[in-house]
Amino acid sequence: MKINRILLLSFCFISISSFAQKANIALNLKKGKEYKQHSVYAMKINQNMGGQQVDMDINLDNKMSFLVTDIQNNVFSMDVKYESMTMEMKMPQMDMTYSSENGEDADMMSQVLASMKGKAFNIKMDKTGHIKEVSNMDNVFSAVDGFDQIPAEQKDQIKDQLKKSFGEESLTNSMESLFAIFPTKKVAPGDTWNVTSEVETMMELSLNGTYKYEKATGEDYIISGNTKIKSGSEPTNVNGMQMTYDMSGTMLSDIKVNKKSGWISEANLTQELSGTASAGGMQIPMSTKSTIKITD
């Protein structure tokens, strides 16, 4: 009988311990607090156009701040600012590098990036990491209008180019690929859950991800992810040309989530896609590989 009681107590202790390990992994930001994000993005594009290999490298290095101004019904309103921006493009016979940190004697595009620093815009994000609203981004891109030496038509072209890297669509996609990974209920180490989403970069993509709560450390929850990616069938306008993509691939994620705030303290994402792009009756074999490193 004594042994039975010991076994029963042991079973209860194990059950209580297992329950205690369950975690509510979600955003828990504080009003008035500012959060930081440093993202380093590298993308390689390989494509064969009419038998000619055309490769491209795109690199972005951005620092941002997020000030929580209000919280309503588990939706966080934030003032967001770019603190620094660097973009680099390498193409056949052409290399370009622009940075907001290049100083007063920098090239024109770097000066434009510098003028965009510190211009606040607003986002609303729910506790599961989904972007509900982006507003006032014109406040960022209107900085281009202050350059009298740039013709009006060229200003519009510059704004369009910048929006591809720093605009609402780009921001929403990058934020949701990073933050929209939280489970809808408490989880224990070893538990998995699914997250589906639609994003639009240079093409429409459907993402179906499986995430796993690996373990907890002193300050963070450790999460891994394996996401299947498939392009949509609708054509996309690329520089005035209708492009249709047939691409598929995967994204692997290793993420550290701060226990107290739910903010991403560190993340490493690797995405690979391959397939074809079609335009004007021509099929272009294409592959992309992207890596993203995030720190707070």
C-alpha atoms as a PDB file:
ATOM      1  CA  MET A   1       0.000   0.000   0.000  1.00  0.00           C
ATOM      2  CA  LYS A   2       2.835   2.372   0.853  1.00  0.00           C
ATOM      3  CA  ILE A   3       4.461   1.643  -2.523  1.00  0.00           C
ATOM      4  CA  ASN A   4       1.164   2.378  -4.277  1.00  0.00           C
ATOM      5  CA  ARG A   5       0.925   5.748  -2.525  1.00  0.00           C
ATOM      6  CA  ILE A   6       4.487   6.577  -3.550  1.00  0.00           C
ATOM      7  CA  LEU A   7       3.731   5.630  -7.166  1.00  0.00           C
ATOM      8  CA  LEU A   8       0.550   7.720  -7.094  1.00  0.00           C
ATOM      9  CA  LEU A   9       2.373  10.740  -5.676  1.00  0.00           C
ATOM     10  CA  SER A  10       5.123  10.317  -8.269  1.00  0.00           C
ATOM     11  CA  PHE A  11       2.545  10.189 -11.065  1.00  0.00           C
ATOM     12  CA  CYS A  12       0.845  13.328  -9.735  1.00  0.00           C
ATOM     13  CA  PHE A  13       4.179  15.122  -9.499  1.00  0.00           C
ATOM     14  CA  ILE A  14       5.049  14.217 -13.086  1.00  0.00           C
ATOM     15  CA  SER A  15       1.617  15.349 -14.282  1.00  0.00           C
ATOM     16  CA  ILE A  16       1.889  18.671 -12.440  1.00  0.00           C
ATOM     17  CA  SER A  17       5.426  19.191 -13.771  1.00  0.00           C
ATOM     18  CA  SER A  18       4.306  18.476 -17.325  1.00  0.00           C
ATOM     19  CA  PHE A  19       1.428  20.919 -16.999  1.00  0.00           C
ATOM     20  CA  ALA A  20       3.738  23.568 -15.561  1.00  0.00           C
ATOM     21  CA  GLN A  21       5.931  23.312 -18.644  1.00  0.00           C
ATOM     22  CA  LYS A  22       3.126  24.515 -20.898  1.00  0.00           C
ATOM     23  CA  ALA A  23       3.777  28.033 -22.144  1.00  0.00           C
ATOM     24  CA  ASN A  24       1.560  30.763 -23.534  1.00  0.00           C
ATOM     25  CA  ILE A  25       3.798  31.925 -26.386  1.00  0.00           C
ATOM     26  CA  ALA A  26       2.394  35.196 -27.747  1.00  0.00           C
ATOM     27  CA  LEU A  27       3.175  38.888 -27.975  1.00  0.00           C
ATOM     28  CA  ASN A  28       2.901  40.622 -24.603  1.00  0.00           C
ATOM     29  CA  LEU A  29       4.258  44.082 -25.365  1.00  0.00           C
ATOM     30  CA  LYS A  30       4.053  46.948 -22.873  1.00  0.00           C
ATOM     31  CA  LYS A  31       2.588  50.375 -23.621  1.00  0.00           C
ATOM     32  CA  GLY A  32       5.284  53.042 -23.673  1.00  0.00           C
ATOM     33  CA  LYS A  33       8.100  50.558 -24.229  1.00  0.00           C
ATOM     34  CA  GLU A  34      10.302  50.628 -27.339  1.00  0.00           C
ATOM     35  CA  TYR A  35      11.454  47.429 -29.039  1.00  0.00           C
ATOM     36  CA  LYS A  36      14.286  47.071 -31.550  1.00  0.00           C
ATOM     37  CA  GLN A  37      14.837  44.932 -34.616  1.00  0.00           C
ATOM     38  CA  HIS A  38      17.982  44.502 -36.737  1.00  0.00           C
ATOM     39  CA  SER A  39      17.438  42.496 -39.919  1.00  0.00           C
ATOM     40  CA  VAL A  40      20.070  41.305 -42.383  1.00  0.00           C
ATOM     41  CA  TYR A  41      18.562  39.926 -45.589  1.00  0.00           C
ATOM     42  CA  ALA A  42      20.471  38.241 -48.432  1.00  0.00           C
ATOM     43  CA  MET A  43      18.821  36.902 -51.587  1.00  0.00           C
ATOM     44  CA  LYS A  44      20.386  35.154 -54.572  1.00  0.00           C
ATOM     45  CA  ILE A  45      18.378  34.884 -57.792  1.00  0.00           C
ATOM     46  CA  ASN A  46      19.495  32.546 -60.573  1.00  0.00           C
ATOM     47  CA  GLN A  47      17.618  32.638 -63.870  1.00  0.00           C
ATOM     48  CA  ASN A  48      18.216  31.524 -67.444  1.00  0.00           C
ATOM     49  CA  MET A  49      16.861  33.915 -70.054  1.00  0.00           C
ATOM     50  CA  GLY A  50      17.064  32.652 -73.641  1.00  0.00           C
ATOM     51  CA  GLY A  51      20.039  30.459 -72.841  1.00  0.00           C
ATOM     52  CA  GLN A  52      21.880  33.225 -70.999  1.00  0.00           C
ATOM     53  CA  GLN A  53      22.500  32.910 -67.277  1.00  0.00           C
ATOM     54  CA  VAL A  54      21.429  36.072 -65.441  1.00  0.00           C
ATOM     55  CA  ASP A  55      22.189  36.056 -61.719  1.00  0.00           C
ATOM     56  CA  MET A  56      21.422  38.715 -59.136  1.00  0.00           C
ATOM     57  CA  ASP A  57      22.301  39.310 -55.480  1.00  0.00           C
ATOM     58  CA  ILE A  58      20.175  41.551 -53.260  1.00  0.00           C
ATOM     59  CA  ASN A  59      21.265  42.461 -49.729  1.00  0.00           C
ATOM     60  CA  LEU A  60      19.410  44.584 -47.173  1.00  0.00           C
ATOM     61  CA  ASP A  61      20.554  45.634 -43.701  1.00  0.00           C
ATOM     62  CA  ASN A  62      17.939  47.542 -41.688  1.00  0.00           C
ATOM     63  CA  LYS A  63      17.579  48.704 -38.098  1.00  0.00           C
ATOM     64  CA  MET A  64      14.111  49.656 -36.826  1.00  0.00           C
ATOM     65  CA  SER A  65      12.434  50.793 -33.624  1.00  0.00           C
ATOM     66  CA  PHE A  66       8.875  49.998 -32.504  1.00  0.00           C
ATOM     67  CA  LEU A  67       7.264  52.176 -29.813  1.00  0.00           C
ATOM     68  CA  VAL A  68       4.033  50.771 -28.365  1.00  0.00           C
ATOM     69  CA  THR A  69       1.554  53.662 -28.145  1.00  0.00           C
ATOM     70  CA  ASP A  70      -1.684  51.816 -27.363  1.00  0.00           C
ATOM     71  CA  ILE A  71      -3.118  48.356 -26.661  1.00  0.00           C
ATOM     72  CA  GLN A  72      -6.754  47.549 -27.444  1.00  0.00           C
ATOM     73  CA  ASN A  73      -8.286  44.041 -27.531  1.00  0.00           C
ATOM     74  CA  ASN A  74      -4.870  42.366 -27.809  1.00  0.00           C
ATOM     75  CA  VAL A  75      -3.907  44.595 -30.754  1.00  0.00           C
ATOM     76  CA  PHE A  76      -0.716  46.623 -30.332  1.00  0.00           C
ATOM     77  CA  SER A  77      -0.484  50.069 -31.958  1.00  0.00           C
ATOM     78  CA  MET A  78       3.112  51.076 -32.635  1.00  0.00           C
ATOM     79  CA  ASP A  79       5.069  54.021 -33.994  1.00  0.00           C
ATOM     80  CA  VAL A  80       7.751  52.548 -36.236  1.00  0.00           C
ATOM     81  CA  LYS A  81      10.939  54.201 -37.494  1.00  0.00           C
ATOM     82  CA  TYR A  82      13.811  53.124 -39.703  1.00  0.00           C
ATOM     83  CA  GLU A  83      17.018  53.875 -37.811  1.00  0.00           C
ATOM     84  CA  SER A  84      19.379  52.841 -40.607  1.00  0.00           C
ATOM     85  CA  MET A  85      19.005  51.347 -44.082  1.00  0.00           C
ATOM     86  CA  THR A  86      21.498  49.755 -46.443  1.00  0.00           C
ATOM     87  CA  MET A  87      20.698  48.127 -49.766  1.00  0.00           C
ATOM     88  CA  GLU A  88      23.051  46.419 -52.185  1.00  0.00           C
ATOM     89  CA  MET A  89      22.315  44.947 -55.621  1.00  0.00           C
ATOM     90  CA  LYS A  90      24.729  42.982 -57.772  1.00  0.00           C
ATOM     91  CA  MET A  91      23.754  42.240 -61.363  1.00  0.00           C
ATOM     92  CA  PRO A  92      25.678  41.435 -64.544  1.00  0.00           C
ATOM     93  CA  GLN A  93      27.814  44.476 -65.355  1.00  0.00           C
ATOM     94  CA  MET A  94      26.263  46.513 -62.537  1.00  0.00           C
ATOM     95  CA  ASP A  95      26.836  46.828 -58.782  1.00  0.00           C
ATOM     96  CA  MET A  96      24.973  49.319 -56.593  1.00  0.00           C
ATOM     97  CA  THR A  97      25.305  50.029 -52.873  1.00  0.00           C
ATOM     98  CA  TYR A  98      23.329  52.673 -50.994  1.00  0.00           C
ATOM     99  CA  SER A  99      23.319  53.423 -47.269  1.00  0.00           C
ATOM    100  CA  SER A 100      21.703  55.961 -44.985  1.00  0.00           C
ATOM    101  CA  GLU A 101      24.997  56.003 -43.064  1.00  0.00           C
ATOM    102  CA  ASN A 102      27.246  57.217 -45.912  1.00  0.00           C
ATOM    103  CA  GLY A 103      27.286  60.863 -44.781  1.00  0.00           C
ATOM    104  CA  GLU A 104      26.620  64.236 -46.404  1.00  0.00           C
ATOM    105  CA  ASP A 105      28.935  63.618 -49.377  1.00  0.00           C
ATOM    106  CA  ALA A 106      27.169  60.376 -50.299  1.00  0.00           C
ATOM    107  CA  ASP A 107      25.452  59.608 -53.596  1.00  0.00           C
ATOM    108  CA  MET A 108      21.915  60.891 -54.090  1.00  0.00           C
ATOM    109  CA  MET A 109      20.143  57.622 -53.242  1.00  0.00           C
ATOM    110  CA  SER A 110      22.089  57.286 -49.988  1.00  0.00           C
ATOM    111  CA  GLN A 111      21.089  60.851 -49.107  1.00  0.00           C
ATOM    112  CA  VAL A 112      17.458  59.929 -49.785  1.00  0.00           C
ATOM    113  CA  LEU A 113      17.752  56.940 -47.433  1.00  0.00           C
ATOM    114  CA  ALA A 114      19.289  59.193 -44.782  1.00  0.00           C
ATOM    115  CA  SER A 115      16.328  61.589 -45.112  1.00  0.00           C
ATOM    116  CA  MET A 116      13.914  58.708 -44.435  1.00  0.00           C
ATOM    117  CA  LYS A 117      15.519  57.871 -41.088  1.00  0.00           C
ATOM    118  CA  GLY A 118      13.481  58.755 -38.047  1.00  0.00           C
ATOM    119  CA  LYS A 119      10.245  59.344 -40.002  1.00  0.00           C
ATOM    120  CA  ALA A 120       7.486  57.623 -38.022  1.00  0.00           C
ATOM    121  CA  PHE A 121       4.723  55.514 -39.484  1.00  0.00           C
ATOM    122  CA  ASN A 122       2.192  53.307 -37.717  1.00  0.00           C
ATOM    123  CA  ILE A 123       1.341  49.630 -37.562  1.00  0.00           C
ATOM    124  CA  LYS A 124      -1.191  47.557 -35.671  1.00  0.00           C
ATOM    125  CA  MET A 125      -0.228  43.969 -34.855  1.00  0.00           C
ATOM    126  CA  ASP A 126      -2.221  41.392 -32.907  1.00  0.00           C
ATOM    127  CA  LYS A 127      -0.801  39.091 -30.248  1.00  0.00           C
ATOM    128  CA  THR A 128      -0.335  36.259 -32.777  1.00  0.00           C
ATOM    129  CA  GLY A 129       1.987  38.436 -34.872  1.00  0.00           C
ATOM    130  CA  HIS A 130      -0.374  39.293 -37.738  1.00  0.00           C
ATOM    131  CA  ILE A 131      -0.270  42.816 -39.147  1.00  0.00           C
ATOM    132  CA  LYS A 132      -3.758  44.325 -39.009  1.00  0.00           C
ATOM    133  CA  GLU A 133      -2.951  47.768 -40.413  1.00  0.00           C
ATOM    134  CA  VAL A 134      -0.088  49.879 -41.768  1.00  0.00           C
ATOM    135  CA  SER A 135      -0.613  53.638 -42.062  1.00  0.00           C
ATOM    136  CA  ASN A 136       1.206  56.930 -42.631  1.00  0.00           C
ATOM    137  CA  MET A 137       3.984  55.391 -44.726  1.00  0.00           C
ATOM    138  CA  ASP A 138       3.765  58.443 -46.984  1.00  0.00           C
ATOM    139  CA  ASN A 139       5.438  60.262 -44.100  1.00  0.00           C
ATOM    140  CA  VAL A 140       8.550  58.173 -44.831  1.00  0.00           C
ATOM    141  CA  PHE A 141       8.606  58.403 -48.618  1.00  0.00           C
ATOM    142  CA  SER A 142       7.625  62.081 -48.772  1.00  0.00           C
ATOM    143  CA  ALA A 143      11.218  62.765 -47.703  1.00  0.00           C
ATOM    144  CA  VAL A 144      12.094  62.299 -51.387  1.00  0.00           C
ATOM    145  CA  ASP A 145      10.091  65.441 -52.215  1.00  0.00           C
ATOM    146  CA  GLY A 146      12.608  67.558 -50.323  1.00  0.00           C
ATOM    147  CA  PHE A 147      15.279  66.984 -52.981  1.00  0.00           C
ATOM    148  CA  ASP A 148      14.693  69.864 -55.413  1.00  0.00           C
ATOM    149  CA  GLN A 149      17.496  68.659 -57.689  1.00  0.00           C
ATOM    150  CA  ILE A 150      15.525  65.492 -58.531  1.00  0.00           C
ATOM    151  CA  PRO A 151      12.946  65.914 -61.356  1.00  0.00           C
ATOM    152  CA  ALA A 152       9.333  65.201 -60.335  1.00  0.00           C
ATOM    153  CA  GLU A 153       9.006  62.178 -62.642  1.00  0.00           C
ATOM    154  CA  GLN A 154      12.210  60.677 -61.273  1.00  0.00           C
ATOM    155  CA  LYS A 155      10.986  61.243 -57.704  1.00  0.00           C
ATOM    156  CA  ASP A 156       8.015  58.979 -58.404  1.00  0.00           C
ATOM    157  CA  GLN A 157      10.339  56.318 -59.821  1.00  0.00           C
ATOM    158  CA  ILE A 158      12.579  56.518 -56.754  1.00  0.00           C
ATOM    159  CA  LYS A 159       9.578  56.223 -54.437  1.00  0.00           C
ATOM    160  CA  ASP A 160       8.354  53.137 -56.311  1.00  0.00           C
ATOM    161  CA  GLN A 161      11.796  51.556 -56.063  1.00  0.00           C
ATOM    162  CA  LEU A 162      12.097  52.304 -52.342  1.00  0.00           C
ATOM    163  CA  LYS A 163       8.613  50.967 -51.612  1.00  0.00           C
ATOM    164  CA  LYS A 164       9.654  47.569 -52.988  1.00  0.00           C
ATOM    165  CA  SER A 165      12.285  47.292 -50.248  1.00  0.00           C
ATOM    166  CA  PHE A 166      10.891  49.430 -47.413  1.00  0.00           C
ATOM    167  CA  GLY A 167       7.181  49.923 -48.149  1.00  0.00           C
ATOM    168  CA  GLU A 168       3.955  48.590 -46.660  1.00  0.00           C
ATOM    169  CA  GLU A 169       3.904  45.337 -48.627  1.00  0.00           C
ATOM    170  CA  SER A 170       7.556  44.537 -47.964  1.00  0.00           C
ATOM    171  CA  LEU A 171       7.218  45.399 -44.259  1.00  0.00           C
ATOM    172  CA  THR A 172       4.058  43.317 -43.799  1.00  0.00           C
ATOM    173  CA  ASN A 173       5.602  40.300 -45.514  1.00  0.00           C
ATOM    174  CA  SER A 174       8.837  40.429 -43.537  1.00  0.00           C
ATOM    175  CA  MET A 175       7.095  41.059 -40.194  1.00  0.00           C
ATOM    176  CA  GLU A 176       4.527  38.295 -40.646  1.00  0.00           C
ATOM    177  CA  SER A 177       7.086  35.743 -41.872  1.00  0.00           C
ATOM    178  CA  LEU A 178       8.893  36.429 -38.598  1.00  0.00           C
ATOM    179  CA  PHE A 179       6.130  37.106 -36.040  1.00  0.00           C
ATOM    180  CA  ALA A 180       3.040  35.264 -37.333  1.00  0.00           C
ATOM    181  CA  ILE A 181       4.289  31.970 -35.945  1.00  0.00           C
ATOM    182  CA  PHE A 182       2.640  31.837 -32.523  1.00  0.00           C
ATOM    183  CA  PRO A 183       0.363  28.984 -31.381  1.00  0.00           C
ATOM    184  CA  THR A 184      -3.277  29.694 -30.521  1.00  0.00           C
ATOM    185  CA  LYS A 185      -3.101  27.799 -27.219  1.00  0.00           C
ATOM    186  CA  LYS A 186      -0.592  26.875 -24.541  1.00  0.00           C
ATOM    187  CA  VAL A 187       2.089  24.425 -25.669  1.00  0.00           C
ATOM    188  CA  ALA A 188       4.637  22.152 -24.034  1.00  0.00           C
ATOM    189  CA  PRO A 189       8.099  21.268 -25.361  1.00  0.00           C
ATOM    190  CA  GLY A 190       7.662  18.920 -28.319  1.00  0.00           C
ATOM    191  CA  ASP A 191       4.225  20.282 -29.289  1.00  0.00           C
ATOM    192  CA  THR A 192       3.657  21.374 -32.895  1.00  0.00           C
ATOM    193  CA  TRP A 193       1.104  23.645 -34.585  1.00  0.00           C
ATOM    194  CA  ASN A 194       0.311  24.855 -38.099  1.00  0.00           C
ATOM    195  CA  VAL A 195       0.247  28.402 -39.449  1.00  0.00           C
ATOM    196  CA  THR A 196      -0.968  29.325 -42.942  1.00  0.00           C
ATOM    197  CA  SER A 197      -0.615  32.717 -44.597  1.00  0.00           C
ATOM    198  CA  GLU A 198      -0.523  34.531 -47.915  1.00  0.00           C
ATOM    199  CA  VAL A 199       2.254  36.988 -48.766  1.00  0.00           C
ATOM    200  CA  GLU A 200       3.221  38.949 -51.848  1.00  0.00           C
ATOM    201  CA  THR A 201       6.814  39.736 -52.729  1.00  0.00           C
ATOM    202  CA  MET A 202       7.728  39.737 -56.407  1.00  0.00           C
ATOM    203  CA  MET A 203       5.059  37.003 -56.622  1.00  0.00           C
ATOM    204  CA  GLU A 204       2.071  35.802 -54.606  1.00  0.00           C
ATOM    205  CA  LEU A 205       3.052  33.020 -52.208  1.00  0.00           C
ATOM    206  CA  SER A 206       1.035  30.609 -50.065  1.00  0.00           C
ATOM    207  CA  LEU A 207       2.817  29.498 -46.890  1.00  0.00           C
ATOM    208  CA  ASN A 208       1.893  26.420 -44.874  1.00  0.00           C
ATOM    209  CA  GLY A 209       4.160  26.152 -41.852  1.00  0.00           C
ATOM    210  CA  THR A 210       4.606  23.602 -39.092  1.00  0.00           C
ATOM    211  CA  TYR A 211       6.216  25.019 -35.956  1.00  0.00           C
ATOM    212  CA  LYS A 212       7.591  23.183 -32.946  1.00  0.00           C
ATOM    213  CA  TYR A 213       8.242  24.368 -29.398  1.00  0.00           C
ATOM    214  CA  GLU A 214      11.687  22.867 -28.841  1.00  0.00           C
ATOM    215  CA  LYS A 215      12.554  24.018 -25.321  1.00  0.00           C
ATOM    216  CA  ALA A 216      12.844  26.959 -22.945  1.00  0.00           C
ATOM    217  CA  THR A 217      16.012  28.661 -21.764  1.00  0.00           C
ATOM    218  CA  GLY A 218      16.367  31.197 -18.982  1.00  0.00           C
ATOM    219  CA  GLU A 219      15.036  34.081 -21.113  1.00  0.00           C
ATOM    220  CA  ASP A 220      13.660  32.601 -24.336  1.00  0.00           C
ATOM    221  CA  TYR A 221      11.362  30.040 -25.900  1.00  0.00           C
ATOM    222  CA  ILE A 222      13.104  28.140 -28.703  1.00  0.00           C
ATOM    223  CA  ILE A 223      10.926  27.451 -31.756  1.00  0.00           C
ATOM    224  CA  SER A 224      11.751  25.703 -35.041  1.00  0.00           C
ATOM    225  CA  GLY A 225       9.720  25.921 -38.230  1.00  0.00           C
ATOM    226  CA  ASN A 226       9.375  24.080 -41.533  1.00  0.00           C
ATOM    227  CA  THR A 227       7.215  25.910 -44.070  1.00  0.00           C
ATOM    228  CA  LYS A 228       6.074  24.700 -47.483  1.00  0.00           C
ATOM    229  CA  ILE A 229       5.797  27.482 -50.059  1.00  0.00           C
ATOM    230  CA  LYS A 230       3.865  27.570 -53.340  1.00  0.00           C
ATOM    231  CA  SER A 231       3.403  30.449 -55.761  1.00  0.00           C
ATOM    232  CA  GLY A 232      -0.043  31.619 -56.815  1.00  0.00           C
ATOM    233  CA  SER A 233      -1.403  31.308 -60.339  1.00  0.00           C
ATOM    234  CA  GLU A 234      -2.370  34.963 -60.836  1.00  0.00           C
ATOM    235  CA  PRO A 235      -0.028  37.048 -63.031  1.00  0.00           C
ATOM    236  CA  THR A 236       2.054  39.768 -61.383  1.00  0.00           C
ATOM    237  CA  ASN A 237       2.974  43.108 -62.919  1.00  0.00           C
ATOM    238  CA  VAL A 238       6.773  43.435 -63.036  1.00  0.00           C
ATOM    239  CA  ASN A 239       7.983  46.702 -64.557  1.00  0.00           C
ATOM    240  CA  GLY A 240       4.941  46.837 -66.830  1.00  0.00           C
ATOM    241  CA  MET A 241       5.186  43.178 -67.870  1.00  0.00           C
ATOM    242  CA  GLN A 242       2.733  40.459 -66.830  1.00  0.00           C
ATOM    243  CA  MET A 243       4.690  37.621 -65.176  1.00  0.00           C
ATOM    244  CA  THR A 244       3.274  34.248 -64.132  1.00  0.00           C
ATOM    245  CA  TYR A 245       5.249  32.148 -61.662  1.00  0.00           C
ATOM    246  CA  ASP A 246       5.243  28.415 -61.020  1.00  0.00           C
ATOM    247  CA  MET A 247       7.536  28.178 -58.013  1.00  0.00           C
ATOM    248  CA  SER A 248       7.689  26.029 -54.897  1.00  0.00           C
ATOM    249  CA  GLY A 249      10.069  25.402 -52.039  1.00  0.00           C
ATOM    250  CA  THR A 250      10.612  25.552 -48.294  1.00  0.00           C
ATOM    251  CA  MET A 251      11.533  27.915 -45.491  1.00  0.00           C
ATOM    252  CA  LEU A 252      13.355  26.673 -42.387  1.00  0.00           C
ATOM    253  CA  SER A 253      13.249  28.779 -39.221  1.00  0.00           C
ATOM    254  CA  ASP A 254      15.092  28.810 -35.902  1.00  0.00           C
ATOM    255  CA  ILE A 255      13.571  31.403 -33.585  1.00  0.00           C
ATOM    256  CA  LYS A 256      14.160  32.668 -30.052  1.00  0.00           C
ATOM    257  CA  VAL A 257      11.139  34.363 -28.463  1.00  0.00           C
ATOM    258  CA  ASN A 258      11.588  36.459 -25.333  1.00  0.00           C
ATOM    259  CA  LYS A 259       9.532  34.899 -22.528  1.00  0.00           C
ATOM    260  CA  LYS A 260       8.300  38.174 -21.051  1.00  0.00           C
ATOM    261  CA  SER A 261       7.473  40.227 -24.149  1.00  0.00           C
ATOM    262  CA  GLY A 262       7.039  37.674 -26.927  1.00  0.00           C
ATOM    263  CA  TRP A 263       9.362  39.852 -29.041  1.00  0.00           C
ATOM    264  CA  ILE A 264      11.729  37.993 -31.346  1.00  0.00           C
ATOM    265  CA  SER A 265      15.152  38.179 -29.729  1.00  0.00           C
ATOM    266  CA  GLU A 266      16.894  36.224 -32.503  1.00  0.00           C
ATOM    267  CA  ALA A 267      15.861  34.381 -35.652  1.00  0.00           C
ATOM    268  CA  ASN A 268      17.533  32.660 -38.582  1.00  0.00           C
ATOM    269  CA  LEU A 269      15.424  31.902 -41.661  1.00  0.00           C
ATOM    270  CA  THR A 270      16.478  30.131 -44.865  1.00  0.00           C
ATOM    271  CA  GLN A 271      14.149  30.058 -47.858  1.00  0.00           C
ATOM    272  CA  GLU A 272      14.673  28.226 -51.162  1.00  0.00           C
ATOM    273  CA  LEU A 273      12.377  28.342 -54.199  1.00  0.00           C
ATOM    274  CA  SER A 274      12.694  26.908 -57.699  1.00  0.00           C
ATOM    275  CA  GLY A 275      10.540  26.685 -60.817  1.00  0.00           C
ATOM    276  CA  THR A 276       9.755  28.893 -63.794  1.00  0.00           C
ATOM    277  CA  ALA A 277       8.630  32.425 -64.553  1.00  0.00           C
ATOM    278  CA  SER A 278       6.625  33.011 -67.736  1.00  0.00           C
ATOM    279  CA  ALA A 279       6.247  36.245 -69.688  1.00  0.00           C
ATOM    280  CA  GLY A 280       5.288  36.909 -73.310  1.00  0.00           C
ATOM    281  CA  GLY A 281       5.287  33.215 -74.169  1.00  0.00           C
ATOM    282  CA  MET A 282       8.821  32.711 -72.817  1.00  0.00           C
ATOM    283  CA  GLN A 283       9.562  30.407 -69.880  1.00  0.00           C
ATOM    284  CA  ILE A 284      12.453  31.356 -67.620  1.00  0.00           C
ATOM    285  CA  PRO A 285      13.929  28.674 -65.321  1.00  0.00           C
ATOM    286  CA  MET A 286      14.503  30.345 -61.981  1.00  0.00           C
ATOM    287  CA  SER A 287      15.675  29.639 -58.441  1.00  0.00           C
ATOM    288  CA  THR A 288      16.066  31.828 -55.376  1.00  0.00           C
ATOM    289  CA  LYS A 289      17.759  31.373 -52.023  1.00  0.00           C
ATOM    290  CA  SER A 290      17.219  33.833 -49.189  1.00  0.00           C
ATOM    291  CA  THR A 291      18.639  34.058 -45.696  1.00  0.00           C
ATOM    292  CA  ILE A 292      17.364  36.378 -42.986  1.00  0.00           C
ATOM    293  CA  LYS A 293      19.022  36.991 -39.631  1.00  0.00           C
ATOM    294  CA  ILE A 294      17.130  38.958 -36.999  1.00  0.00           C
ATOM    295  CA  THR A 295      18.391  40.290 -33.678  1.00  0.00           C
ATOM    296  CA  ASP A 296      16.813  42.688 -31.208  1.00  0.00           C
END
